[in-house]
Amino acid sequence: MAEEIEHFYGVYLLYCLNEKSKGKTYIGYTKDPNRRIKQHNKGVKSGGARKTSLRGPWEMVLIVHGFPNDISALRFEWAWQNPKTSRRLKHIPQKSRSEKAYDYCIRILSEMLHVGPWNRLALNVRWLNLHYRIDFSDDKFPPMHMSICQGPVVYPDCQAVTHVQCLAKRFLGSSDHIIPIDGECPACGIRVLWGDLIRRKNGCYKNLIAAGT
């Protein structure tokens, strides 16, 4: 059963299974992946997008989540949808005639994860269907503080209580950045992502099952 995650902001990739449009893709934003894919497959009248209506069935194969807010996620969505227009992605070679739409979407994503401001976010690249998984090339593998995952999200059961500003200073050390990427928990010693700590503070993941280390 799917667990509810509060303050969830995700940008997903759909893959068309319809024989007439097979291989077509769609990129969108959602706070509820399970509900959104149903809307896409039911059509515009049920809340789906015009571009996906009557072309289903669609499969949600991947979702990027971990954005601090909806604005951040929506900006990521727009750039992924419009790499030719985005000023941050103009350096990326355009899609070739022989390149499949799906492969192009993954290539753009791999580049985006290395471009600011997204390269400093604690993002999760989650494969929802491993049949469509494409491994990132060695030179475009996501930054070490990002995770590539599948299945349910679990978190260690640590009861540490800290002051946000003090913990940020501890994580930053001698860095001149204002917001840290990650750091070692002073209580349990586990390396954690700053973005995950903030989301948890805001109520995220409270319904998820904690996993032992």
N, C-alpha and C. Protein backbone atom coordinates (compact mmCIF):
# COMPACT_ATOMS: atom_id res chain seq x y z
N MET A 1 0.84 -1.19 0.00
CA MET A 1 0.00 0.00 0.00
C MET A 1 0.88 1.24 0.00
N ALA A 2 0.55 2.22 -0.81
CA ALA A 2 1.34 3.45 -0.90
C ALA A 2 1.19 4.27 0.36
N GLU A 3 2.32 4.79 0.86
CA GLU A 3 2.30 5.63 2.05
C GLU A 3 2.14 7.09 1.64
N GLU A 4 1.40 7.85 2.43
CA GLU A 4 1.21 9.27 2.14
C GLU A 4 2.40 10.07 2.66
N ILE A 5 2.96 10.92 1.81
CA ILE A 5 4.09 11.77 2.18
C ILE A 5 3.64 13.22 2.12
N GLU A 6 3.68 13.90 3.24
CA GLU A 6 3.29 15.30 3.26
C GLU A 6 4.36 16.17 2.61
N HIS A 7 3.95 17.30 2.05
CA HIS A 7 4.86 18.24 1.42
C HIS A 7 5.67 17.57 0.31
N PHE A 8 5.03 16.68 -0.43
CA PHE A 8 5.71 15.98 -1.53
C PHE A 8 5.58 16.81 -2.80
N TYR A 9 6.72 17.08 -3.44
CA TYR A 9 6.73 17.81 -4.70
C TYR A 9 7.55 16.99 -5.69
N GLY A 10 6.91 16.49 -6.71
CA GLY A 10 7.60 15.63 -7.65
C GLY A 10 7.43 16.04 -9.10
N VAL A 11 8.45 15.79 -9.90
CA VAL A 11 8.40 16.02 -11.34
C VAL A 11 8.61 14.66 -12.00
N TYR A 12 7.64 14.24 -12.78
CA TYR A 12 7.63 12.87 -13.28
C TYR A 12 7.77 12.79 -14.80
N LEU A 13 8.09 11.57 -15.25
CA LEU A 13 8.21 11.29 -16.68
C LEU A 13 7.26 10.16 -17.03
N LEU A 14 6.39 10.41 -18.01
CA LEU A 14 5.45 9.40 -18.49
C LEU A 14 5.96 8.80 -19.79
N TYR A 15 5.61 7.52 -20.00
CA TYR A 15 5.97 6.82 -21.23
C TYR A 15 4.69 6.24 -21.81
N CYS A 16 4.43 6.51 -23.09
CA CYS A 16 3.18 6.07 -23.72
C CYS A 16 3.28 4.61 -24.16
N LEU A 17 2.26 3.83 -23.80
CA LEU A 17 2.21 2.41 -24.15
C LEU A 17 1.27 2.14 -25.33
N ASN A 18 0.54 3.16 -25.76
CA ASN A 18 -0.38 3.01 -26.89
C ASN A 18 0.41 2.71 -28.16
N GLU A 19 0.02 1.68 -28.90
CA GLU A 19 0.76 1.27 -30.09
C GLU A 19 0.88 2.40 -31.11
N LYS A 20 -0.14 3.26 -31.21
CA LYS A 20 -0.12 4.35 -32.18
C LYS A 20 0.83 5.48 -31.78
N SER A 21 1.06 5.61 -30.48
CA SER A 21 1.92 6.70 -29.99
C SER A 21 3.02 6.17 -29.08
N LYS A 22 3.32 4.88 -29.18
CA LYS A 22 4.27 4.26 -28.27
C LYS A 22 5.64 4.94 -28.32
N GLY A 23 6.16 5.22 -27.14
CA GLY A 23 7.47 5.86 -27.06
C GLY A 23 7.40 7.35 -26.82
N LYS A 24 6.21 7.92 -26.98
CA LYS A 24 6.06 9.35 -26.70
C LYS A 24 6.20 9.58 -25.20
N THR A 25 6.59 10.76 -24.82
CA THR A 25 6.82 11.06 -23.41
C THR A 25 6.06 12.31 -22.98
N TYR A 26 5.92 12.43 -21.67
CA TYR A 26 5.28 13.63 -21.11
C TYR A 26 5.92 13.90 -19.75
N ILE A 27 6.23 15.15 -19.50
CA ILE A 27 6.84 15.56 -18.23
C ILE A 27 5.85 16.44 -17.48
N GLY A 28 5.65 16.16 -16.21
CA GLY A 28 4.69 16.94 -15.44
C GLY A 28 5.08 17.06 -13.97
N TYR A 29 4.30 17.83 -13.25
CA TYR A 29 4.52 18.07 -11.81
C TYR A 29 3.32 17.53 -11.03
N THR A 30 3.58 16.98 -9.87
CA THR A 30 2.48 16.48 -9.05
C THR A 30 2.86 16.44 -7.57
N LYS A 31 1.83 16.50 -6.74
CA LYS A 31 2.00 16.31 -5.30
C LYS A 31 1.44 14.95 -4.90
N ASP A 32 0.83 14.26 -5.87
CA ASP A 32 0.22 12.95 -5.62
C ASP A 32 0.38 12.08 -6.87
N PRO A 33 1.51 11.35 -6.98
CA PRO A 33 1.78 10.53 -8.18
C PRO A 33 0.69 9.52 -8.50
N ASN A 34 0.16 8.84 -7.49
CA ASN A 34 -0.84 7.81 -7.72
C ASN A 34 -2.12 8.40 -8.33
N ARG A 35 -2.54 9.52 -7.81
CA ARG A 35 -3.74 10.17 -8.34
C ARG A 35 -3.48 10.75 -9.72
N ARG A 36 -2.29 11.29 -9.94
CA ARG A 36 -1.99 11.96 -11.20
C ARG A 36 -1.96 10.99 -12.39
N ILE A 37 -1.38 9.82 -12.22
CA ILE A 37 -1.31 8.87 -13.33
C ILE A 37 -2.70 8.39 -13.71
N LYS A 38 -3.60 8.28 -12.74
CA LYS A 38 -4.98 7.89 -13.03
C LYS A 38 -5.67 8.97 -13.85
N GLN A 39 -5.39 10.24 -13.50
CA GLN A 39 -5.98 11.35 -14.25
C GLN A 39 -5.51 11.35 -15.70
N HIS A 40 -4.22 11.11 -15.89
CA HIS A 40 -3.67 11.09 -17.25
C HIS A 40 -4.35 10.00 -18.09
N ASN A 41 -4.55 8.84 -17.49
CA ASN A 41 -5.12 7.73 -18.24
C ASN A 41 -6.63 7.84 -18.44
N LYS A 42 -7.29 8.67 -17.64
CA LYS A 42 -8.73 8.86 -17.80
C LYS A 42 -9.06 10.00 -18.77
N GLY A 43 -8.10 10.92 -18.97
CA GLY A 43 -8.32 12.00 -19.92
C GLY A 43 -8.56 13.36 -19.31
N VAL A 44 -8.75 14.36 -20.16
CA VAL A 44 -8.91 15.75 -19.74
C VAL A 44 -10.09 15.93 -18.79
N LYS A 45 -11.20 15.26 -19.05
CA LYS A 45 -12.40 15.43 -18.24
C LYS A 45 -12.17 15.00 -16.79
N SER A 46 -11.17 14.16 -16.57
CA SER A 46 -10.87 13.69 -15.21
C SER A 46 -9.66 14.41 -14.62
N GLY A 47 -9.20 15.46 -15.30
CA GLY A 47 -8.07 16.22 -14.77
C GLY A 47 -6.75 15.95 -15.45
N GLY A 48 -6.76 15.08 -16.46
CA GLY A 48 -5.52 14.77 -17.17
C GLY A 48 -5.11 15.91 -18.09
N ALA A 49 -3.91 15.83 -18.65
CA ALA A 49 -3.41 16.88 -19.54
C ALA A 49 -3.92 16.67 -20.97
N ARG A 50 -4.04 17.75 -21.70
CA ARG A 50 -4.50 17.67 -23.09
C ARG A 50 -3.55 16.82 -23.94
N LYS A 51 -2.26 16.95 -23.69
CA LYS A 51 -1.28 16.24 -24.50
C LYS A 51 -1.30 14.72 -24.27
N THR A 52 -1.84 14.29 -23.14
CA THR A 52 -1.88 12.85 -22.87
C THR A 52 -3.27 12.26 -23.06
N SER A 53 -4.26 13.10 -23.19
CA SER A 53 -5.64 12.64 -23.31
C SER A 53 -5.85 11.84 -24.60
N LEU A 54 -6.53 10.70 -24.46
CA LEU A 54 -6.88 9.81 -25.58
C LEU A 54 -5.67 9.15 -26.23
N ARG A 55 -4.52 9.22 -25.59
CA ARG A 55 -3.31 8.58 -26.12
C ARG A 55 -2.79 7.48 -25.21
N GLY A 56 -3.53 7.21 -24.15
CA GLY A 56 -3.09 6.22 -23.18
C GLY A 56 -3.22 4.80 -23.69
N PRO A 57 -2.77 3.83 -22.87
CA PRO A 57 -2.35 4.06 -21.48
C PRO A 57 -0.93 4.63 -21.38
N TRP A 58 -0.73 5.34 -20.26
CA TRP A 58 0.57 5.92 -19.95
C TRP A 58 1.14 5.24 -18.71
N GLU A 59 2.46 5.16 -18.68
CA GLU A 59 3.15 4.58 -17.53
C GLU A 59 4.03 5.66 -16.91
N MET A 60 3.91 5.87 -15.60
CA MET A 60 4.80 6.80 -14.90
C MET A 60 6.05 6.00 -14.54
N VAL A 61 7.13 6.25 -15.24
CA VAL A 61 8.32 5.41 -15.09
C VAL A 61 9.36 5.97 -14.13
N LEU A 62 9.33 7.28 -13.92
CA LEU A 62 10.36 7.92 -13.09
C LEU A 62 9.80 9.19 -12.47
N ILE A 63 10.24 9.49 -11.26
CA ILE A 63 9.85 10.75 -10.64
C ILE A 63 11.03 11.31 -9.84
N VAL A 64 11.25 12.59 -9.97
CA VAL A 64 12.30 13.28 -9.22
C VAL A 64 11.61 14.03 -8.10
N HIS A 65 11.99 13.75 -6.86
CA HIS A 65 11.36 14.43 -5.73
C HIS A 65 12.42 14.85 -4.71
N GLY A 66 11.98 15.62 -3.72
CA GLY A 66 12.92 16.16 -2.74
C GLY A 66 13.06 17.67 -2.87
N PHE A 67 12.23 18.28 -3.70
CA PHE A 67 12.27 19.73 -3.86
C PHE A 67 11.78 20.41 -2.58
N PRO A 68 12.35 21.55 -2.21
CA PRO A 68 11.96 22.23 -0.96
C PRO A 68 10.56 22.83 -0.99
N ASN A 69 10.04 23.11 -2.19
CA ASN A 69 8.70 23.70 -2.31
C ASN A 69 8.18 23.51 -3.73
N ASP A 70 6.92 23.91 -3.95
CA ASP A 70 6.31 23.70 -5.26
C ASP A 70 6.93 24.59 -6.34
N ILE A 71 7.37 25.80 -5.97
CA ILE A 71 7.97 26.70 -6.95
C ILE A 71 9.26 26.09 -7.52
N SER A 72 10.07 25.52 -6.65
CA SER A 72 11.31 24.88 -7.07
C SER A 72 11.02 23.72 -8.02
N ALA A 73 10.02 22.92 -7.68
CA ALA A 73 9.66 21.77 -8.52
C ALA A 73 9.09 22.21 -9.86
N LEU A 74 8.26 23.25 -9.85
CA LEU A 74 7.66 23.74 -11.09
C LEU A 74 8.70 24.33 -12.04
N ARG A 75 9.70 24.97 -11.48
CA ARG A 75 10.78 25.52 -12.31
C ARG A 75 11.60 24.39 -12.94
N PHE A 76 11.79 23.34 -12.17
CA PHE A 76 12.50 22.17 -12.68
C PHE A 76 11.69 21.52 -13.81
N GLU A 77 10.38 21.42 -13.58
CA GLU A 77 9.49 20.84 -14.59
C GLU A 77 9.57 21.64 -15.90
N TRP A 78 9.47 22.96 -15.78
CA TRP A 78 9.48 23.81 -16.98
C TRP A 78 10.79 23.67 -17.75
N ALA A 79 11.90 23.66 -17.05
CA ALA A 79 13.20 23.54 -17.71
C ALA A 79 13.35 22.19 -18.39
N TRP A 80 12.86 21.13 -17.74
CA TRP A 80 12.94 19.79 -18.33
C TRP A 80 12.06 19.71 -19.58
N GLN A 81 10.94 20.39 -19.55
CA GLN A 81 10.03 20.42 -20.70
C GLN A 81 10.57 21.29 -21.83
N ASN A 82 11.34 22.31 -21.47
CA ASN A 82 11.79 23.30 -22.46
C ASN A 82 13.31 23.52 -22.41
N PRO A 83 14.09 22.48 -22.65
CA PRO A 83 15.55 22.63 -22.56
C PRO A 83 16.13 23.61 -23.58
N LYS A 84 15.46 23.77 -24.73
CA LYS A 84 15.97 24.69 -25.75
C LYS A 84 15.78 26.14 -25.34
N THR A 85 14.76 26.39 -24.50
CA THR A 85 14.43 27.75 -24.08
C THR A 85 15.11 28.14 -22.78
N SER A 86 15.29 27.17 -21.89
CA SER A 86 15.88 27.44 -20.58
C SER A 86 17.31 27.96 -20.73
N ARG A 87 17.60 29.09 -20.11
CA ARG A 87 18.94 29.67 -20.20
C ARG A 87 19.98 28.80 -19.50
N ARG A 88 19.54 27.96 -18.59
CA ARG A 88 20.47 27.10 -17.86
C ARG A 88 20.87 25.86 -18.66
N LEU A 89 20.09 25.55 -19.70
CA LEU A 89 20.32 24.30 -20.43
C LEU A 89 20.69 24.50 -21.90
N LYS A 90 20.99 25.72 -22.28
CA LYS A 90 21.29 26.01 -23.68
C LYS A 90 22.58 25.34 -24.17
N HIS A 91 23.42 24.89 -23.24
CA HIS A 91 24.67 24.25 -23.62
C HIS A 91 24.48 22.79 -24.04
N ILE A 92 23.29 22.24 -23.80
CA ILE A 92 23.05 20.83 -24.09
C ILE A 92 22.74 20.64 -25.58
N PRO A 93 23.42 19.70 -26.24
CA PRO A 93 23.15 19.43 -27.66
C PRO A 93 21.68 19.05 -27.87
N GLN A 94 21.10 19.52 -28.95
CA GLN A 94 19.70 19.25 -29.22
C GLN A 94 19.49 17.79 -29.61
N LYS A 95 18.25 17.39 -29.58
CA LYS A 95 17.88 16.02 -29.91
C LYS A 95 18.20 15.73 -31.38
N SER A 96 18.86 14.61 -31.61
CA SER A 96 19.16 14.21 -32.99
C SER A 96 17.99 13.41 -33.55
N ARG A 97 17.95 13.27 -34.85
CA ARG A 97 16.84 12.54 -35.48
C ARG A 97 16.78 11.08 -35.05
N SER A 98 17.94 10.51 -34.81
CA SER A 98 17.99 9.09 -34.45
C SER A 98 17.75 8.84 -32.95
N GLU A 99 17.79 9.89 -32.15
CA GLU A 99 17.62 9.74 -30.70
C GLU A 99 16.14 9.64 -30.34
N LYS A 100 15.81 8.63 -29.56
CA LYS A 100 14.42 8.44 -29.13
C LYS A 100 14.04 9.51 -28.12
N ALA A 101 12.75 9.86 -28.11
CA ALA A 101 12.26 10.91 -27.21
C ALA A 101 12.56 10.57 -25.76
N TYR A 102 12.39 9.30 -25.40
CA TYR A 102 12.62 8.87 -24.02
C TYR A 102 14.09 9.02 -23.64
N ASP A 103 14.97 8.57 -24.53
CA ASP A 103 16.41 8.69 -24.26
C ASP A 103 16.82 10.15 -24.12
N TYR A 104 16.21 11.00 -24.93
CA TYR A 104 16.51 12.44 -24.88
C TYR A 104 16.09 13.02 -23.53
N CYS A 105 14.93 12.62 -23.03
CA CYS A 105 14.45 13.12 -21.73
C CYS A 105 15.40 12.73 -20.61
N ILE A 106 15.89 11.50 -20.66
CA ILE A 106 16.83 11.04 -19.63
C ILE A 106 18.15 11.78 -19.75
N ARG A 107 18.58 12.04 -20.97
CA ARG A 107 19.83 12.78 -21.17
C ARG A 107 19.72 14.20 -20.62
N ILE A 108 18.59 14.84 -20.88
CA ILE A 108 18.38 16.20 -20.36
C ILE A 108 18.38 16.17 -18.83
N LEU A 109 17.70 15.18 -18.26
CA LEU A 109 17.64 15.06 -16.80
C LEU A 109 19.04 14.91 -16.21
N SER A 110 19.85 14.05 -16.80
CA SER A 110 21.20 13.83 -16.28
C SER A 110 22.03 15.11 -16.30
N GLU A 111 21.78 15.97 -17.28
CA GLU A 111 22.49 17.25 -17.36
C GLU A 111 21.96 18.21 -16.30
N MET A 112 20.64 18.23 -16.13
CA MET A 112 20.02 19.16 -15.18
C MET A 112 20.50 18.94 -13.75
N LEU A 113 20.75 17.70 -13.40
CA LEU A 113 21.17 17.38 -12.04
C LEU A 113 22.57 17.92 -11.72
N HIS A 114 23.27 18.38 -12.76
CA HIS A 114 24.61 18.94 -12.57
C HIS A 114 24.63 20.46 -12.75
N VAL A 115 23.45 21.04 -12.93
CA VAL A 115 23.34 22.49 -13.16
C VAL A 115 22.68 23.17 -11.97
N GLY A 116 23.21 24.33 -11.57
CA GLY A 116 22.60 25.09 -10.48
C GLY A 116 21.29 25.70 -10.90
N PRO A 117 20.35 25.83 -9.98
CA PRO A 117 20.46 25.57 -8.54
C PRO A 117 20.17 24.13 -8.14
N TRP A 118 19.78 23.30 -9.12
CA TRP A 118 19.34 21.94 -8.78
C TRP A 118 20.46 21.04 -8.28
N ASN A 119 21.70 21.33 -8.67
CA ASN A 119 22.79 20.45 -8.26
C ASN A 119 23.11 20.52 -6.77
N ARG A 120 22.49 21.46 -6.05
CA ARG A 120 22.72 21.53 -4.61
C ARG A 120 21.50 21.08 -3.80
N LEU A 121 20.47 20.64 -4.47
CA LEU A 121 19.28 20.17 -3.77
C LEU A 121 19.41 18.69 -3.42
N ALA A 122 18.76 18.30 -2.34
CA ALA A 122 18.78 16.89 -1.91
C ALA A 122 17.70 16.12 -2.66
N LEU A 123 17.93 15.93 -3.95
CA LEU A 123 16.92 15.30 -4.80
C LEU A 123 17.04 13.78 -4.80
N ASN A 124 15.91 13.16 -5.09
CA ASN A 124 15.86 11.71 -5.25
C ASN A 124 15.36 11.40 -6.66
N VAL A 125 16.10 10.60 -7.38
CA VAL A 125 15.66 10.14 -8.69
C VAL A 125 15.10 8.74 -8.48
N ARG A 126 13.80 8.62 -8.55
CA ARG A 126 13.14 7.36 -8.19
C ARG A 126 12.56 6.68 -9.43
N TRP A 127 13.06 5.48 -9.70
CA TRP A 127 12.53 4.68 -10.80
C TRP A 127 11.29 3.94 -10.30
N LEU A 128 10.17 4.17 -10.96
CA LEU A 128 8.92 3.53 -10.58
C LEU A 128 8.68 2.25 -11.37
N ASN A 129 9.36 2.11 -12.49
CA ASN A 129 9.27 0.90 -13.30
C ASN A 129 10.66 0.58 -13.83
N LEU A 130 11.28 -0.46 -13.29
CA LEU A 130 12.66 -0.78 -13.63
C LEU A 130 12.83 -1.24 -15.07
N HIS A 131 11.73 -1.62 -15.72
CA HIS A 131 11.81 -2.05 -17.11
C HIS A 131 12.31 -0.91 -18.00
N TYR A 132 12.08 0.32 -17.58
CA TYR A 132 12.46 1.48 -18.38
C TYR A 132 13.70 2.19 -17.84
N ARG A 133 14.33 1.59 -16.87
CA ARG A 133 15.49 2.24 -16.26
C ARG A 133 16.66 2.33 -17.24
N ILE A 134 17.28 3.48 -17.28
CA ILE A 134 18.48 3.70 -18.07
C ILE A 134 19.56 4.21 -17.12
N ASP A 135 20.68 3.54 -17.08
CA ASP A 135 21.76 3.96 -16.18
C ASP A 135 22.42 5.23 -16.71
N PHE A 136 22.72 6.13 -15.79
CA PHE A 136 23.40 7.36 -16.16
C PHE A 136 24.85 7.06 -16.52
N SER A 137 25.38 7.79 -17.47
CA SER A 137 26.78 7.60 -17.86
C SER A 137 27.68 8.05 -16.72
N ASP A 138 28.90 7.54 -16.69
CA ASP A 138 29.82 7.85 -15.60
C ASP A 138 30.09 9.35 -15.47
N ASP A 139 30.18 10.05 -16.60
CA ASP A 139 30.49 11.48 -16.54
C ASP A 139 29.28 12.34 -16.23
N LYS A 140 28.08 11.74 -16.23
CA LYS A 140 26.86 12.49 -15.92
C LYS A 140 26.07 11.82 -14.81
N PHE A 141 26.75 11.07 -13.98
CA PHE A 141 26.09 10.43 -12.85
C PHE A 141 25.70 11.52 -11.85
N PRO A 142 24.50 11.44 -11.24
CA PRO A 142 24.06 12.47 -10.30
C PRO A 142 25.08 12.71 -9.18
N PRO A 143 25.16 13.93 -8.64
CA PRO A 143 26.06 14.23 -7.53
C PRO A 143 25.87 13.25 -6.37
N MET A 144 26.90 13.06 -5.59
CA MET A 144 26.89 12.06 -4.53
C MET A 144 25.81 12.28 -3.48
N HIS A 145 25.38 13.54 -3.29
CA HIS A 145 24.38 13.80 -2.26
C HIS A 145 22.96 13.51 -2.75
N MET A 146 22.81 13.15 -4.03
CA MET A 146 21.51 12.77 -4.56
C MET A 146 21.41 11.25 -4.57
N SER A 147 20.20 10.75 -4.47
CA SER A 147 20.03 9.30 -4.45
C SER A 147 19.25 8.81 -5.66
N ILE A 148 19.63 7.63 -6.14
CA ILE A 148 18.88 6.95 -7.19
C ILE A 148 18.22 5.76 -6.50
N CYS A 149 16.92 5.72 -6.52
CA CYS A 149 16.24 4.72 -5.72
C CYS A 149 15.00 4.15 -6.41
N GLN A 150 14.37 3.20 -5.74
CA GLN A 150 13.15 2.59 -6.22
C GLN A 150 12.37 2.10 -5.00
N GLY A 151 11.09 1.92 -5.13
CA GLY A 151 10.29 1.41 -4.02
C GLY A 151 10.06 2.44 -2.93
N PRO A 152 9.61 1.98 -1.75
CA PRO A 152 9.26 2.89 -0.66
C PRO A 152 10.47 3.60 -0.05
N VAL A 153 10.24 4.78 0.49
CA VAL A 153 11.29 5.55 1.15
C VAL A 153 11.31 5.21 2.63
N VAL A 154 12.47 4.91 3.17
CA VAL A 154 12.57 4.59 4.59
C VAL A 154 13.66 5.43 5.23
N TYR A 155 13.52 5.67 6.53
CA TYR A 155 14.47 6.52 7.25
C TYR A 155 14.86 5.87 8.58
N PRO A 156 16.11 6.03 8.97
CA PRO A 156 16.56 5.49 10.25
C PRO A 156 15.78 6.12 11.40
N ASP A 157 15.55 5.36 12.43
CA ASP A 157 14.77 5.82 13.58
C ASP A 157 15.68 6.53 14.57
N CYS A 158 16.01 7.79 14.27
CA CYS A 158 16.86 8.59 15.14
C CYS A 158 16.02 9.66 15.81
N GLN A 159 16.18 9.82 17.12
CA GLN A 159 15.37 10.76 17.89
C GLN A 159 16.16 12.02 18.27
N ALA A 160 17.20 12.34 17.51
CA ALA A 160 18.03 13.51 17.83
C ALA A 160 17.22 14.80 17.80
N VAL A 161 17.51 15.70 18.75
CA VAL A 161 16.86 17.01 18.82
C VAL A 161 17.97 18.06 18.72
N THR A 162 17.91 18.91 17.70
CA THR A 162 18.97 19.90 17.50
C THR A 162 18.39 21.26 17.14
N HIS A 163 19.22 22.29 17.27
CA HIS A 163 18.86 23.63 16.85
C HIS A 163 19.25 23.76 15.38
N VAL A 164 18.33 24.19 14.54
CA VAL A 164 18.55 24.21 13.09
C VAL A 164 19.80 24.99 12.70
N GLN A 165 19.97 26.19 13.24
CA GLN A 165 21.11 27.02 12.85
C GLN A 165 22.43 26.42 13.32
N CYS A 166 22.42 25.84 14.50
CA CYS A 166 23.64 25.22 15.03
C CYS A 166 24.03 24.00 14.19
N LEU A 167 23.02 23.21 13.81
CA LEU A 167 23.30 22.02 13.01
C LEU A 167 23.80 22.42 11.62
N ALA A 168 23.24 23.50 11.08
CA ALA A 168 23.68 23.97 9.77
C ALA A 168 25.15 24.38 9.82
N LYS A 169 25.55 25.09 10.88
CA LYS A 169 26.95 25.50 11.04
C LYS A 169 27.85 24.29 11.16
N ARG A 170 27.38 23.28 11.87
CA ARG A 170 28.17 22.06 12.06
C ARG A 170 28.37 21.34 10.72
N PHE A 171 27.29 21.27 9.93
CA PHE A 171 27.36 20.61 8.63
C PHE A 171 28.25 21.38 7.64
N LEU A 172 28.17 22.71 7.70
CA LEU A 172 28.92 23.54 6.76
C LEU A 172 30.42 23.54 7.05
N GLY A 173 30.78 23.49 8.33
CA GLY A 173 32.18 23.52 8.68
C GLY A 173 32.83 24.81 8.21
N SER A 174 33.87 24.70 7.39
CA SER A 174 34.58 25.89 6.89
C SER A 174 34.05 26.36 5.53
N SER A 175 32.98 25.73 5.05
CA SER A 175 32.42 26.11 3.75
C SER A 175 31.83 27.51 3.80
N ASP A 176 31.89 28.23 2.68
CA ASP A 176 31.33 29.59 2.64
C ASP A 176 29.88 29.61 2.14
N HIS A 177 29.30 28.43 1.96
CA HIS A 177 27.90 28.35 1.54
C HIS A 177 26.98 28.68 2.72
N ILE A 178 25.76 29.08 2.43
CA ILE A 178 24.80 29.40 3.47
C ILE A 178 24.00 28.18 3.89
N ILE A 179 23.64 27.36 2.91
CA ILE A 179 22.84 26.15 3.17
C ILE A 179 23.68 24.91 2.90
N PRO A 180 23.78 24.01 3.86
CA PRO A 180 24.58 22.79 3.67
C PRO A 180 23.88 21.79 2.76
N ILE A 181 24.65 20.85 2.24
CA ILE A 181 24.07 19.78 1.43
C ILE A 181 23.79 18.57 2.31
N ASP A 182 24.78 18.18 3.10
CA ASP A 182 24.60 17.04 3.99
C ASP A 182 25.58 17.15 5.16
N GLY A 183 25.51 16.17 6.04
CA GLY A 183 26.39 16.16 7.19
C GLY A 183 26.14 14.94 8.05
N GLU A 184 26.99 14.75 9.04
CA GLU A 184 26.88 13.59 9.93
C GLU A 184 26.04 13.95 11.15
N CYS A 185 25.02 13.16 11.42
CA CYS A 185 24.16 13.40 12.57
C CYS A 185 24.98 13.30 13.85
N PRO A 186 24.94 14.30 14.73
CA PRO A 186 25.73 14.28 15.96
C PRO A 186 25.26 13.21 16.95
N ALA A 187 24.06 12.69 16.75
CA ALA A 187 23.52 11.69 17.67
C ALA A 187 23.82 10.26 17.24
N CYS A 188 23.48 9.93 15.97
CA CYS A 188 23.63 8.54 15.53
C CYS A 188 24.80 8.33 14.58
N GLY A 189 25.41 9.43 14.12
CA GLY A 189 26.58 9.31 13.26
C GLY A 189 26.29 9.00 11.80
N ILE A 190 25.01 8.94 11.43
CA ILE A 190 24.64 8.64 10.05
C ILE A 190 24.68 9.91 9.21
N ARG A 191 25.22 9.81 8.00
CA ARG A 191 25.25 10.97 7.10
C ARG A 191 23.86 11.17 6.52
N VAL A 192 23.35 12.39 6.68
CA VAL A 192 21.99 12.69 6.23
C VAL A 192 21.99 13.93 5.34
N LEU A 193 20.99 14.03 4.48
CA LEU A 193 20.83 15.18 3.59
C LEU A 193 20.11 16.30 4.32
N TRP A 194 20.60 17.51 4.16
CA TRP A 194 19.99 18.67 4.82
C TRP A 194 18.54 18.84 4.37
N GLY A 195 18.30 18.67 3.09
CA GLY A 195 16.95 18.82 2.57
C GLY A 195 15.98 17.85 3.21
N ASP A 196 16.44 16.62 3.47
CA ASP A 196 15.58 15.63 4.13
C ASP A 196 15.26 16.04 5.56
N LEU A 197 16.25 16.61 6.25
CA LEU A 197 16.02 17.04 7.63
C LEU A 197 14.98 18.15 7.70
N ILE A 198 15.07 19.10 6.78
CA ILE A 198 14.11 20.21 6.76
C ILE A 198 12.72 19.72 6.43
N ARG A 199 12.61 18.82 5.45
CA ARG A 199 11.28 18.29 5.11
C ARG A 199 10.69 17.50 6.27
N ARG A 200 11.56 16.77 6.98
CA ARG A 200 11.06 16.00 8.12
C ARG A 200 10.60 16.93 9.23
N LYS A 201 11.32 18.03 9.41
CA LYS A 201 10.94 19.03 10.42
C LYS A 201 9.57 19.61 10.09
N ASN A 202 9.27 19.75 8.80
CA ASN A 202 8.00 20.32 8.36
C ASN A 202 6.86 19.30 8.33
N GLY A 203 7.16 18.08 8.77
CA GLY A 203 6.11 17.07 8.83
C GLY A 203 6.19 15.98 7.79
N CYS A 204 7.20 16.04 6.93
CA CYS A 204 7.32 15.01 5.90
C CYS A 204 7.71 13.67 6.52
N TYR A 205 7.34 12.61 5.87
CA TYR A 205 7.75 11.25 6.20
C TYR A 205 7.21 10.73 7.52
N LYS A 206 6.34 11.47 8.19
CA LYS A 206 5.92 11.03 9.52
C LYS A 206 5.10 9.74 9.47
N ASN A 207 4.54 9.43 8.30
CA ASN A 207 3.77 8.20 8.19
C ASN A 207 4.56 7.05 7.59
N LEU A 208 5.84 7.29 7.29
CA LEU A 208 6.64 6.24 6.68
C LEU A 208 7.23 5.32 7.74
N ILE A 209 7.45 4.10 7.35
CA ILE A 209 8.02 3.11 8.26
C ILE A 209 9.51 3.34 8.39
N ALA A 210 9.99 3.47 9.61
CA ALA A 210 11.42 3.69 9.82
C ALA A 210 12.15 2.37 9.70
N ALA A 211 13.33 2.43 9.10
CA ALA A 211 14.12 1.21 8.91
C ALA A 211 15.35 1.27 9.79
N GLY A 212 15.76 0.14 10.29
CA GLY A 212 16.97 0.09 11.09
C GLY A 212 18.18 0.25 10.21
N THR A 213 19.30 0.63 10.78
CA THR A 213 20.51 0.84 9.99
C THR A 213 21.23 -0.49 9.82
